[in-house]
Amino acid sequence: MGAKSLVSTLEKMLGSRKRCVYCCDSRSSDIDHFKPVKLDLRVTFKWKNFILICPECNRCKGSKFEYGLDGKPLLVDPTAVDPWDHLVLDVDSGVMAPRYFNGNFDARGEYTLDVVSPVNDEATVEGRRRAAERYLDVAESAVLEGDTDAVRRTLVKVVKYDEFGLASWFAFREGSRIESFVSIKRDHPALWRKFCSLACRQALNALES
């Protein structure tokens, strides 16, 4: 596969906005090796080792690549695993944090946020907060208005233009326990199924990129 063909294929997988796989707030103009070639020349042309990333995240990531006690990379690969397995979102602030379990922070979440620090830069956090706010607004509309065509159209639009991949957070993670989302699940099951379907599609697109 030639360089132009590789770029074209990667860009198609990321969609028209071509956001960075880590911060999601900048254009992914760099093709990077998830596992640095400096550490292993054998991964130079491995398809699954390519990621599209913005210059700032790429500079921060560099050749940092450590392994956990289980022998697996500590750095999260957003194209291979669900980042929400290791990270949590503060909906009110937009800040990402490592999961906390049994008295310890998730090692992969902690390492990833330490290495790829632009994930929690001020501008990125604000964009993520606004994206979360749009989900909260449409959920409140559903509670007040019910499962209407207008609510469904707005919901589809909110998921479509969510650059930060927050749909699955509200559908399957802690966000689903927010009162307005609990109400939708209880009172409007068809709308909830629609939202979960949209969230699954968004997550699948992210994993395929």
N, C-alpha and C. Protein backbone atom coordinates (compact mmCIF):
# COMPACT_ATOMS: atom_id res chain seq x y z
N MET A 1 0.85 -1.20 0.00
CA MET A 1 0.00 0.00 0.00
C MET A 1 0.88 1.24 0.00
N GLY A 2 0.66 2.15 -0.98
CA GLY A 2 1.45 3.37 -1.05
C GLY A 2 1.06 4.37 0.01
N ALA A 3 1.90 5.40 0.18
CA ALA A 3 1.66 6.39 1.24
C ALA A 3 0.34 7.12 1.03
N LYS A 4 0.05 7.53 -0.23
CA LYS A 4 -1.19 8.24 -0.49
C LYS A 4 -2.41 7.36 -0.23
N SER A 5 -2.30 6.09 -0.62
CA SER A 5 -3.40 5.16 -0.40
C SER A 5 -3.63 4.93 1.07
N LEU A 6 -2.55 4.84 1.84
CA LEU A 6 -2.65 4.64 3.28
C LEU A 6 -3.35 5.82 3.95
N VAL A 7 -2.92 7.03 3.60
CA VAL A 7 -3.54 8.23 4.18
C VAL A 7 -5.02 8.28 3.83
N SER A 8 -5.34 8.01 2.56
CA SER A 8 -6.73 8.07 2.11
C SER A 8 -7.59 7.08 2.88
N THR A 9 -7.09 5.87 3.07
CA THR A 9 -7.86 4.84 3.77
C THR A 9 -8.07 5.21 5.23
N LEU A 10 -7.02 5.69 5.89
CA LEU A 10 -7.14 6.08 7.29
C LEU A 10 -8.12 7.23 7.46
N GLU A 11 -8.06 8.19 6.55
CA GLU A 11 -8.95 9.35 6.66
C GLU A 11 -10.40 8.94 6.45
N LYS A 12 -10.66 8.01 5.54
CA LYS A 12 -12.03 7.54 5.33
C LYS A 12 -12.57 6.88 6.59
N MET A 13 -11.72 6.14 7.28
CA MET A 13 -12.16 5.45 8.49
C MET A 13 -12.48 6.43 9.60
N LEU A 14 -11.78 7.57 9.62
CA LEU A 14 -12.01 8.54 10.69
C LEU A 14 -13.20 9.45 10.43
N GLY A 15 -13.67 9.49 9.21
CA GLY A 15 -14.80 10.36 8.91
C GLY A 15 -14.34 11.72 8.41
N SER A 16 -15.31 12.56 8.08
CA SER A 16 -15.01 13.83 7.42
C SER A 16 -14.26 14.81 8.30
N ARG A 17 -14.43 14.74 9.64
CA ARG A 17 -13.78 15.70 10.52
C ARG A 17 -12.36 15.29 10.89
N LYS A 18 -12.04 14.01 10.78
CA LYS A 18 -10.67 13.49 10.97
C LYS A 18 -10.06 13.92 12.30
N ARG A 19 -10.75 13.63 13.39
CA ARG A 19 -10.29 14.04 14.70
C ARG A 19 -9.22 13.10 15.25
N CYS A 20 -8.37 13.64 16.11
CA CYS A 20 -7.31 12.88 16.76
C CYS A 20 -7.92 11.76 17.62
N VAL A 21 -7.32 10.58 17.59
CA VAL A 21 -7.87 9.45 18.34
C VAL A 21 -7.74 9.63 19.85
N TYR A 22 -6.91 10.58 20.29
CA TYR A 22 -6.74 10.78 21.74
C TYR A 22 -7.52 11.99 22.25
N CYS A 23 -7.17 13.19 21.80
CA CYS A 23 -7.85 14.37 22.35
C CYS A 23 -9.20 14.61 21.69
N CYS A 24 -9.39 14.12 20.46
CA CYS A 24 -10.64 14.28 19.70
C CYS A 24 -10.97 15.73 19.39
N ASP A 25 -10.08 16.64 19.75
CA ASP A 25 -10.38 18.06 19.62
C ASP A 25 -9.54 18.74 18.54
N SER A 26 -8.62 17.99 17.94
CA SER A 26 -7.74 18.56 16.91
C SER A 26 -7.72 17.64 15.70
N ARG A 27 -7.34 18.20 14.58
CA ARG A 27 -7.30 17.42 13.35
C ARG A 27 -6.14 16.44 13.38
N SER A 28 -6.42 15.22 13.02
CA SER A 28 -5.39 14.17 13.06
C SER A 28 -4.55 14.21 11.80
N SER A 29 -3.58 15.10 11.77
CA SER A 29 -2.77 15.28 10.57
C SER A 29 -1.52 14.42 10.54
N ASP A 30 -1.24 13.68 11.64
CA ASP A 30 -0.05 12.82 11.70
C ASP A 30 -0.45 11.35 11.68
N ILE A 31 0.31 10.55 10.93
CA ILE A 31 0.19 9.09 11.02
C ILE A 31 1.28 8.64 11.97
N ASP A 32 0.88 8.01 13.06
CA ASP A 32 1.83 7.61 14.10
C ASP A 32 1.82 6.09 14.27
N HIS A 33 2.91 5.58 14.82
CA HIS A 33 2.96 4.18 15.21
C HIS A 33 2.56 4.09 16.68
N PHE A 34 1.51 3.31 16.98
CA PHE A 34 1.09 3.17 18.37
C PHE A 34 2.26 2.66 19.21
N LYS A 35 2.84 1.55 18.81
CA LYS A 35 4.09 1.10 19.43
C LYS A 35 5.23 1.71 18.65
N PRO A 36 6.06 2.54 19.27
CA PRO A 36 7.11 3.25 18.54
C PRO A 36 8.07 2.32 17.80
N VAL A 37 8.38 2.69 16.57
CA VAL A 37 9.33 1.92 15.76
C VAL A 37 10.69 1.87 16.44
N LYS A 38 10.99 2.93 17.19
CA LYS A 38 12.26 2.99 17.91
C LYS A 38 12.44 1.79 18.85
N LEU A 39 11.33 1.26 19.33
CA LEU A 39 11.39 0.14 20.27
C LEU A 39 11.30 -1.21 19.58
N ASP A 40 10.74 -1.21 18.37
CA ASP A 40 10.55 -2.49 17.67
C ASP A 40 10.37 -2.22 16.18
N LEU A 41 11.42 -2.45 15.41
CA LEU A 41 11.36 -2.19 13.97
C LEU A 41 10.35 -3.08 13.24
N ARG A 42 9.99 -4.20 13.85
CA ARG A 42 9.07 -5.13 13.20
C ARG A 42 7.67 -4.54 13.03
N VAL A 43 7.32 -3.49 13.78
CA VAL A 43 5.98 -2.93 13.70
C VAL A 43 5.89 -1.76 12.71
N THR A 44 6.99 -1.51 12.00
CA THR A 44 7.05 -0.36 11.09
C THR A 44 5.90 -0.36 10.09
N PHE A 45 5.58 -1.51 9.52
CA PHE A 45 4.56 -1.58 8.48
C PHE A 45 3.36 -2.43 8.90
N LYS A 46 3.18 -2.58 10.21
CA LYS A 46 2.03 -3.33 10.72
C LYS A 46 0.79 -2.44 10.67
N TRP A 47 -0.23 -2.87 9.91
CA TRP A 47 -1.43 -2.06 9.74
C TRP A 47 -2.06 -1.68 11.07
N LYS A 48 -2.18 -2.64 12.00
CA LYS A 48 -2.84 -2.38 13.27
C LYS A 48 -2.03 -1.47 14.18
N ASN A 49 -0.81 -1.16 13.79
CA ASN A 49 0.03 -0.30 14.61
C ASN A 49 -0.08 1.17 14.20
N PHE A 50 -0.82 1.44 13.12
CA PHE A 50 -0.99 2.82 12.67
C PHE A 50 -2.16 3.49 13.38
N ILE A 51 -1.96 4.73 13.82
CA ILE A 51 -3.05 5.53 14.35
C ILE A 51 -2.94 6.93 13.75
N LEU A 52 -4.08 7.61 13.65
CA LEU A 52 -4.09 9.00 13.20
C LEU A 52 -4.22 9.88 14.44
N ILE A 53 -3.32 10.83 14.55
CA ILE A 53 -3.17 11.59 15.79
C ILE A 53 -2.80 13.04 15.44
N CYS A 54 -3.15 13.96 16.31
CA CYS A 54 -2.80 15.36 16.04
C CYS A 54 -1.34 15.62 16.43
N PRO A 55 -0.71 16.64 15.88
CA PRO A 55 0.71 16.91 16.16
C PRO A 55 1.00 17.09 17.65
N GLU A 56 0.10 17.76 18.37
CA GLU A 56 0.37 18.01 19.79
C GLU A 56 0.37 16.72 20.60
N CYS A 57 -0.63 15.88 20.38
CA CYS A 57 -0.66 14.59 21.09
C CYS A 57 0.52 13.72 20.66
N ASN A 58 0.88 13.81 19.38
CA ASN A 58 2.01 13.02 18.88
C ASN A 58 3.32 13.44 19.55
N ARG A 59 3.50 14.75 19.72
CA ARG A 59 4.71 15.23 20.40
C ARG A 59 4.75 14.74 21.85
N CYS A 60 3.62 14.78 22.51
CA CYS A 60 3.58 14.33 23.91
C CYS A 60 3.83 12.84 24.01
N LYS A 61 3.23 12.09 23.10
CA LYS A 61 3.38 10.63 23.13
C LYS A 61 4.80 10.22 22.82
N GLY A 62 5.36 10.76 21.74
CA GLY A 62 6.73 10.46 21.37
C GLY A 62 7.01 8.96 21.37
N SER A 63 8.07 8.56 22.05
CA SER A 63 8.43 7.14 22.14
C SER A 63 8.12 6.56 23.52
N LYS A 64 7.26 7.27 24.27
CA LYS A 64 6.88 6.76 25.60
C LYS A 64 6.00 5.53 25.42
N PHE A 65 6.39 4.44 26.00
CA PHE A 65 5.64 3.19 25.80
C PHE A 65 6.10 2.18 26.84
N GLU A 66 5.36 2.11 27.93
CA GLU A 66 5.71 1.18 29.00
C GLU A 66 4.69 0.05 29.08
N TYR A 67 5.08 -1.00 29.77
CA TYR A 67 4.22 -2.17 29.92
C TYR A 67 3.78 -2.33 31.38
N GLY A 68 2.57 -2.88 31.55
CA GLY A 68 2.06 -3.14 32.89
C GLY A 68 2.56 -4.47 33.41
N LEU A 69 2.14 -4.81 34.61
CA LEU A 69 2.56 -6.06 35.23
C LEU A 69 2.06 -7.27 34.46
N ASP A 70 0.98 -7.08 33.67
CA ASP A 70 0.44 -8.19 32.88
C ASP A 70 1.14 -8.33 31.53
N GLY A 71 2.14 -7.50 31.28
CA GLY A 71 2.89 -7.57 30.03
C GLY A 71 2.24 -6.86 28.87
N LYS A 72 1.12 -6.19 29.10
CA LYS A 72 0.43 -5.46 28.04
C LYS A 72 0.77 -3.98 28.11
N PRO A 73 0.70 -3.26 26.98
CA PRO A 73 1.02 -1.83 27.00
C PRO A 73 0.14 -1.06 27.97
N LEU A 74 0.73 -0.10 28.67
CA LEU A 74 -0.04 0.75 29.57
C LEU A 74 -0.80 1.83 28.80
N LEU A 75 -0.26 2.23 27.66
CA LEU A 75 -0.92 3.25 26.85
C LEU A 75 -2.16 2.66 26.18
N VAL A 76 -3.29 3.33 26.34
CA VAL A 76 -4.53 2.87 25.72
C VAL A 76 -4.48 3.12 24.22
N ASP A 77 -4.83 2.10 23.45
CA ASP A 77 -4.98 2.25 22.00
C ASP A 77 -6.47 2.40 21.71
N PRO A 78 -6.96 3.63 21.45
CA PRO A 78 -8.40 3.86 21.27
C PRO A 78 -8.99 3.14 20.07
N THR A 79 -8.15 2.65 19.14
CA THR A 79 -8.66 1.94 17.98
C THR A 79 -8.79 0.44 18.24
N ALA A 80 -8.32 -0.02 19.41
CA ALA A 80 -8.34 -1.44 19.71
C ALA A 80 -9.15 -1.78 20.96
N VAL A 81 -9.27 -0.85 21.88
CA VAL A 81 -10.02 -1.08 23.12
C VAL A 81 -10.95 0.10 23.38
N ASP A 82 -11.92 -0.10 24.25
CA ASP A 82 -12.83 0.98 24.63
C ASP A 82 -12.16 1.81 25.72
N PRO A 83 -11.82 3.07 25.44
CA PRO A 83 -11.16 3.90 26.46
C PRO A 83 -11.96 4.03 27.75
N TRP A 84 -13.30 3.89 27.65
CA TRP A 84 -14.13 4.01 28.85
C TRP A 84 -13.89 2.87 29.83
N ASP A 85 -13.22 1.80 29.40
CA ASP A 85 -12.86 0.74 30.33
C ASP A 85 -11.82 1.23 31.33
N HIS A 86 -11.11 2.28 30.97
CA HIS A 86 -10.00 2.76 31.80
C HIS A 86 -10.16 4.20 32.26
N LEU A 87 -11.13 4.92 31.69
CA LEU A 87 -11.28 6.34 31.98
C LEU A 87 -12.71 6.66 32.42
N VAL A 88 -12.85 7.74 33.16
CA VAL A 88 -14.18 8.22 33.55
C VAL A 88 -14.29 9.69 33.17
N LEU A 89 -15.52 10.15 33.02
CA LEU A 89 -15.78 11.53 32.62
C LEU A 89 -16.52 12.27 33.73
N ASP A 90 -16.03 13.44 34.06
CA ASP A 90 -16.79 14.35 34.93
C ASP A 90 -17.65 15.21 34.00
N VAL A 91 -18.93 14.92 33.99
CA VAL A 91 -19.83 15.55 33.04
C VAL A 91 -19.87 17.07 33.22
N ASP A 92 -19.82 17.53 34.45
CA ASP A 92 -19.94 18.96 34.71
C ASP A 92 -18.73 19.76 34.24
N SER A 93 -17.55 19.18 34.33
CA SER A 93 -16.33 19.92 33.97
C SER A 93 -15.75 19.52 32.62
N GLY A 94 -16.05 18.29 32.15
CA GLY A 94 -15.47 17.80 30.91
C GLY A 94 -14.11 17.16 31.10
N VAL A 95 -13.64 17.05 32.33
CA VAL A 95 -12.33 16.47 32.62
C VAL A 95 -12.39 14.95 32.59
N MET A 96 -11.36 14.33 32.01
CA MET A 96 -11.21 12.88 32.01
C MET A 96 -10.29 12.48 33.16
N ALA A 97 -10.59 11.35 33.81
CA ALA A 97 -9.77 10.86 34.91
C ALA A 97 -9.66 9.35 34.80
N PRO A 98 -8.62 8.77 35.40
CA PRO A 98 -8.52 7.30 35.39
C PRO A 98 -9.58 6.69 36.30
N ARG A 99 -10.05 5.53 35.96
CA ARG A 99 -11.01 4.83 36.82
C ARG A 99 -10.35 4.51 38.17
N TYR A 100 -11.20 4.44 39.18
CA TYR A 100 -10.73 4.14 40.53
C TYR A 100 -11.44 2.88 40.99
N PHE A 101 -10.67 1.86 41.34
CA PHE A 101 -11.27 0.58 41.68
C PHE A 101 -10.45 -0.11 42.77
N ASN A 102 -11.13 -0.54 43.80
CA ASN A 102 -10.48 -1.25 44.90
C ASN A 102 -9.29 -0.48 45.48
N GLY A 103 -9.46 0.82 45.61
CA GLY A 103 -8.43 1.63 46.25
C GLY A 103 -7.28 2.04 45.35
N ASN A 104 -7.39 1.77 44.06
CA ASN A 104 -6.31 2.13 43.14
C ASN A 104 -6.86 2.74 41.86
N PHE A 105 -6.08 3.67 41.29
CA PHE A 105 -6.43 4.20 39.98
C PHE A 105 -6.05 3.19 38.91
N ASP A 106 -6.86 3.13 37.85
CA ASP A 106 -6.56 2.25 36.73
C ASP A 106 -5.22 2.63 36.12
N ALA A 107 -4.31 1.68 36.05
CA ALA A 107 -2.94 1.97 35.61
C ALA A 107 -2.91 2.46 34.17
N ARG A 108 -3.72 1.87 33.31
CA ARG A 108 -3.71 2.28 31.90
C ARG A 108 -4.33 3.67 31.73
N GLY A 109 -5.40 3.92 32.45
CA GLY A 109 -5.99 5.25 32.37
C GLY A 109 -5.05 6.31 32.89
N GLU A 110 -4.40 6.03 34.00
CA GLU A 110 -3.48 6.99 34.61
C GLU A 110 -2.29 7.25 33.70
N TYR A 111 -1.72 6.20 33.15
CA TYR A 111 -0.54 6.35 32.28
C TYR A 111 -0.90 7.11 31.00
N THR A 112 -2.04 6.77 30.42
CA THR A 112 -2.46 7.42 29.16
C THR A 112 -2.67 8.91 29.35
N LEU A 113 -3.35 9.30 30.42
CA LEU A 113 -3.60 10.71 30.67
C LEU A 113 -2.31 11.46 31.01
N ASP A 114 -1.36 10.77 31.62
CA ASP A 114 -0.07 11.38 31.93
C ASP A 114 0.75 11.60 30.67
N VAL A 115 0.72 10.62 29.78
CA VAL A 115 1.53 10.70 28.55
C VAL A 115 0.88 11.62 27.53
N VAL A 116 -0.41 11.44 27.28
CA VAL A 116 -1.11 12.23 26.25
C VAL A 116 -1.89 13.34 26.97
N SER A 117 -1.17 14.27 27.53
CA SER A 117 -1.76 15.31 28.39
C SER A 117 -2.75 16.24 27.67
N PRO A 118 -2.66 16.45 26.33
CA PRO A 118 -3.64 17.32 25.68
C PRO A 118 -5.09 16.86 25.86
N VAL A 119 -5.29 15.61 26.25
CA VAL A 119 -6.65 15.11 26.49
C VAL A 119 -7.36 15.99 27.51
N ASN A 120 -6.61 16.55 28.46
CA ASN A 120 -7.22 17.39 29.48
C ASN A 120 -6.74 18.84 29.41
N ASP A 121 -6.31 19.29 28.22
CA ASP A 121 -6.02 20.70 28.05
C ASP A 121 -7.31 21.51 28.18
N GLU A 122 -7.18 22.77 28.53
CA GLU A 122 -8.35 23.61 28.82
C GLU A 122 -9.35 23.64 27.67
N ALA A 123 -8.86 23.87 26.46
CA ALA A 123 -9.77 23.98 25.31
C ALA A 123 -10.46 22.65 25.03
N THR A 124 -9.73 21.56 25.15
CA THR A 124 -10.30 20.24 24.92
C THR A 124 -11.37 19.92 25.95
N VAL A 125 -11.06 20.22 27.20
CA VAL A 125 -12.01 19.98 28.29
C VAL A 125 -13.29 20.77 28.08
N GLU A 126 -13.16 22.01 27.64
CA GLU A 126 -14.34 22.85 27.41
C GLU A 126 -15.18 22.28 26.27
N GLY A 127 -14.54 21.83 25.21
CA GLY A 127 -15.29 21.22 24.10
C GLY A 127 -16.01 19.97 24.55
N ARG A 128 -15.36 19.16 25.37
CA ARG A 128 -15.98 17.94 25.87
C ARG A 128 -17.16 18.26 26.80
N ARG A 129 -17.00 19.32 27.60
CA ARG A 129 -18.08 19.72 28.51
C ARG A 129 -19.31 20.16 27.71
N ARG A 130 -19.08 20.91 26.64
CA ARG A 130 -20.20 21.38 25.82
C ARG A 130 -20.89 20.22 25.12
N ALA A 131 -20.10 19.23 24.68
CA ALA A 131 -20.69 18.04 24.05
C ALA A 131 -21.57 17.30 25.05
N ALA A 132 -21.09 17.17 26.29
CA ALA A 132 -21.87 16.51 27.34
C ALA A 132 -23.14 17.30 27.63
N GLU A 133 -23.03 18.61 27.61
CA GLU A 133 -24.18 19.47 27.88
C GLU A 133 -25.28 19.27 26.84
N ARG A 134 -24.88 19.05 25.59
CA ARG A 134 -25.87 18.82 24.53
C ARG A 134 -26.63 17.51 24.78
N TYR A 135 -25.93 16.49 25.27
CA TYR A 135 -26.62 15.24 25.61
C TYR A 135 -27.60 15.46 26.75
N LEU A 136 -27.18 16.21 27.75
CA LEU A 136 -28.06 16.48 28.89
C LEU A 136 -29.29 17.27 28.46
N ASP A 137 -29.08 18.22 27.55
CA ASP A 137 -30.21 19.05 27.06
C ASP A 137 -31.23 18.21 26.31
N VAL A 138 -30.76 17.32 25.43
CA VAL A 138 -31.72 16.52 24.65
C VAL A 138 -32.41 15.50 25.55
N ALA A 139 -31.72 15.03 26.58
CA ALA A 139 -32.35 14.11 27.53
C ALA A 139 -33.45 14.81 28.30
N GLU A 140 -33.19 16.04 28.72
CA GLU A 140 -34.21 16.82 29.42
C GLU A 140 -35.41 17.09 28.52
N SER A 141 -35.15 17.34 27.25
CA SER A 141 -36.24 17.55 26.30
C SER A 141 -37.11 16.30 26.17
N ALA A 142 -36.45 15.13 26.16
CA ALA A 142 -37.20 13.88 26.07
C ALA A 142 -38.07 13.67 27.30
N VAL A 143 -37.55 14.04 28.46
CA VAL A 143 -38.33 13.91 29.70
C VAL A 143 -39.55 14.81 29.66
N LEU A 144 -39.38 16.02 29.15
CA LEU A 144 -40.48 17.00 29.14
C LEU A 144 -41.46 16.77 27.99
N GLU A 145 -40.94 16.41 26.81
CA GLU A 145 -41.78 16.33 25.62
C GLU A 145 -42.17 14.91 25.23
N GLY A 146 -41.40 13.94 25.72
CA GLY A 146 -41.67 12.55 25.35
C GLY A 146 -40.89 12.14 24.10
N ASP A 147 -41.23 10.98 23.57
CA ASP A 147 -40.55 10.43 22.39
C ASP A 147 -41.19 11.01 21.13
N THR A 148 -40.78 12.22 20.78
CA THR A 148 -41.32 12.90 19.60
C THR A 148 -40.33 12.84 18.44
N ASP A 149 -40.82 13.13 17.25
CA ASP A 149 -39.95 13.17 16.08
C ASP A 149 -38.86 14.23 16.26
N ALA A 150 -39.23 15.36 16.85
CA ALA A 150 -38.27 16.45 17.04
C ALA A 150 -37.15 16.02 17.99
N VAL A 151 -37.51 15.34 19.07
CA VAL A 151 -36.51 14.85 20.02
C VAL A 151 -35.59 13.85 19.34
N ARG A 152 -36.15 12.96 18.54
CA ARG A 152 -35.33 11.95 17.85
C ARG A 152 -34.36 12.61 16.87
N ARG A 153 -34.84 13.59 16.14
CA ARG A 153 -33.97 14.28 15.18
C ARG A 153 -32.82 14.97 15.91
N THR A 154 -33.14 15.61 17.03
CA THR A 154 -32.10 16.29 17.81
C THR A 154 -31.10 15.29 18.36
N LEU A 155 -31.60 14.16 18.85
CA LEU A 155 -30.72 13.13 19.40
C LEU A 155 -29.76 12.61 18.34
N VAL A 156 -30.26 12.34 17.16
CA VAL A 156 -29.41 11.87 16.06
C VAL A 156 -28.34 12.91 15.74
N LYS A 157 -28.73 14.16 15.72
CA LYS A 157 -27.79 15.25 15.41
C LYS A 157 -26.73 15.38 16.50
N VAL A 158 -27.12 15.25 17.76
CA VAL A 158 -26.17 15.36 18.87
C VAL A 158 -25.11 14.26 18.77
N VAL A 159 -25.54 13.04 18.48
CA VAL A 159 -24.58 11.93 18.36
C VAL A 159 -23.71 12.12 17.12
N LYS A 160 -24.31 12.54 16.03
CA LYS A 160 -23.58 12.70 14.78
C LYS A 160 -22.44 13.71 14.91
N TYR A 161 -22.69 14.81 15.61
CA TYR A 161 -21.69 15.86 15.71
C TYR A 161 -20.90 15.83 17.03
N ASP A 162 -20.98 14.72 17.72
CA ASP A 162 -20.20 14.53 18.95
C ASP A 162 -18.80 14.07 18.58
N GLU A 163 -17.83 14.97 18.66
CA GLU A 163 -16.45 14.65 18.29
C GLU A 163 -15.73 13.84 19.38
N PHE A 164 -16.32 13.77 20.56
CA PHE A 164 -15.62 13.20 21.70
C PHE A 164 -16.05 11.78 22.06
N GLY A 165 -16.98 11.23 21.30
CA GLY A 165 -17.39 9.85 21.54
C GLY A 165 -18.08 9.63 22.87
N LEU A 166 -18.97 10.55 23.26
CA LEU A 166 -19.59 10.49 24.58
C LEU A 166 -20.88 9.66 24.61
N ALA A 167 -21.39 9.25 23.46
CA ALA A 167 -22.68 8.55 23.43
C ALA A 167 -22.67 7.31 24.31
N SER A 168 -21.63 6.49 24.20
CA SER A 168 -21.60 5.25 24.99
C SER A 168 -21.44 5.54 26.48
N TRP A 169 -20.87 6.70 26.82
CA TRP A 169 -20.77 7.08 28.23
C TRP A 169 -22.17 7.26 28.83
N PHE A 170 -23.04 7.91 28.06
CA PHE A 170 -24.40 8.15 28.55
C PHE A 170 -25.31 6.94 28.36
N ALA A 171 -25.00 6.08 27.40
CA ALA A 171 -25.85 4.92 27.14
C ALA A 171 -25.50 3.72 28.01
N PHE A 172 -24.19 3.50 28.23
CA PHE A 172 -23.78 2.24 28.88
C PHE A 172 -22.92 2.41 30.12
N ARG A 173 -22.44 3.62 30.36
CA ARG A 173 -21.55 3.83 31.50
C ARG A 173 -22.26 4.66 32.58
N GLU A 174 -21.48 5.34 33.39
CA GLU A 174 -22.04 6.08 34.51
C GLU A 174 -23.07 7.12 34.10
N GLY A 175 -22.94 7.64 32.87
CA GLY A 175 -23.89 8.63 32.40
C GLY A 175 -25.32 8.11 32.33
N SER A 176 -25.47 6.80 32.17
CA SER A 176 -26.82 6.22 32.08
C SER A 176 -27.55 6.27 33.41
N ARG A 177 -26.81 6.61 34.49
CA ARG A 177 -27.44 6.68 35.81
C ARG A 177 -27.89 8.10 36.17
N ILE A 178 -27.62 9.05 35.26
CA ILE A 178 -28.13 10.41 35.46
C ILE A 178 -29.65 10.37 35.36
N GLU A 179 -30.33 11.13 36.20
CA GLU A 179 -31.78 11.02 36.35
C GLU A 179 -32.55 11.10 35.04
N SER A 180 -32.19 12.05 34.18
CA SER A 180 -32.94 12.21 32.92
C SER A 180 -32.79 10.99 32.02
N PHE A 181 -31.62 10.37 32.01
CA PHE A 181 -31.42 9.18 31.18
C PHE A 181 -32.12 7.97 31.79
N VAL A 182 -32.15 7.89 33.11
CA VAL A 182 -32.91 6.84 33.78
C VAL A 182 -34.38 6.95 33.41
N SER A 183 -34.88 8.18 33.36
CA SER A 183 -36.29 8.42 33.01
C SER A 183 -36.59 7.98 31.59
N ILE A 184 -35.70 8.27 30.67
CA ILE A 184 -35.90 7.87 29.28
C ILE A 184 -35.97 6.34 29.18
N LYS A 185 -35.02 5.69 29.84
CA LYS A 185 -34.98 4.22 29.80
C LYS A 185 -36.25 3.62 30.37
N ARG A 186 -36.79 4.23 31.40
CA ARG A 186 -37.99 3.71 32.06
C ARG A 186 -39.27 4.05 31.30
N ASP A 187 -39.38 5.30 30.85
CA ASP A 187 -40.64 5.78 30.29
C ASP A 187 -40.73 5.73 28.77
N HIS A 188 -39.58 5.71 28.11
CA HIS A 188 -39.57 5.73 26.64
C HIS A 188 -38.58 4.69 26.11
N PRO A 189 -38.88 3.41 26.29
CA PRO A 189 -37.94 2.34 25.91
C PRO A 189 -37.56 2.34 24.44
N ALA A 190 -38.47 2.71 23.56
CA ALA A 190 -38.15 2.73 22.13
C ALA A 190 -37.10 3.80 21.84
N LEU A 191 -37.25 4.95 22.47
CA LEU A 191 -36.26 6.02 22.31
C LEU A 191 -34.92 5.60 22.90
N TRP A 192 -34.96 4.92 24.03
CA TRP A 192 -33.73 4.44 24.66
C TRP A 192 -33.00 3.45 23.76
N ARG A 193 -33.76 2.55 23.13
CA ARG A 193 -33.15 1.58 22.22
C ARG A 193 -32.51 2.30 21.03
N LYS A 194 -33.19 3.34 20.55
CA LYS A 194 -32.64 4.13 19.45
C LYS A 194 -31.32 4.76 19.87
N PHE A 195 -31.28 5.33 21.06
CA PHE A 195 -30.06 5.96 21.54
C PHE A 195 -28.94 4.94 21.70
N CYS A 196 -29.25 3.78 22.27
CA CYS A 196 -28.23 2.74 22.44
C CYS A 196 -27.68 2.27 21.10
N SER A 197 -28.56 2.19 20.10
CA SER A 197 -28.12 1.80 18.76
C SER A 197 -27.17 2.84 18.18
N LEU A 198 -27.49 4.12 18.36
CA LEU A 198 -26.61 5.19 17.88
C LEU A 198 -25.27 5.15 18.61
N ALA A 199 -25.31 4.87 19.91
CA ALA A 199 -24.08 4.81 20.71
C ALA A 199 -23.21 3.66 20.27
N CYS A 200 -23.81 2.51 20.00
CA CYS A 200 -23.05 1.34 19.52
C CYS A 200 -22.39 1.63 18.19
N ARG A 201 -23.11 2.29 17.30
CA ARG A 201 -22.57 2.63 15.99
C ARG A 201 -21.39 3.59 16.12
N GLN A 202 -21.54 4.57 17.01
CA GLN A 202 -20.44 5.53 17.24
C GLN A 202 -19.21 4.82 17.78
N ALA A 203 -19.39 3.91 18.76
CA ALA A 203 -18.27 3.19 19.34
C ALA A 203 -17.62 2.26 18.32
N LEU A 204 -18.43 1.62 17.48
CA LEU A 204 -17.89 0.73 16.46
C LEU A 204 -17.06 1.51 15.45
N ASN A 205 -17.54 2.66 15.05
CA ASN A 205 -16.78 3.50 14.11
C ASN A 205 -15.43 3.90 14.70
N ALA A 206 -15.42 4.19 16.01
CA ALA A 206 -14.17 4.57 16.66
C ALA A 206 -13.19 3.41 16.69
N LEU A 207 -13.67 2.21 16.97
CA LEU A 207 -12.79 1.05 17.04
C LEU A 207 -12.27 0.65 15.66
N GLU A 208 -13.04 0.98 14.61
CA GLU A 208 -12.62 0.63 13.26
C GLU A 208 -11.65 1.65 12.69
N SER A 209 -11.50 2.81 13.35
CA SER A 209 -10.64 3.86 12.80
C SER A 209 -9.18 3.61 13.13
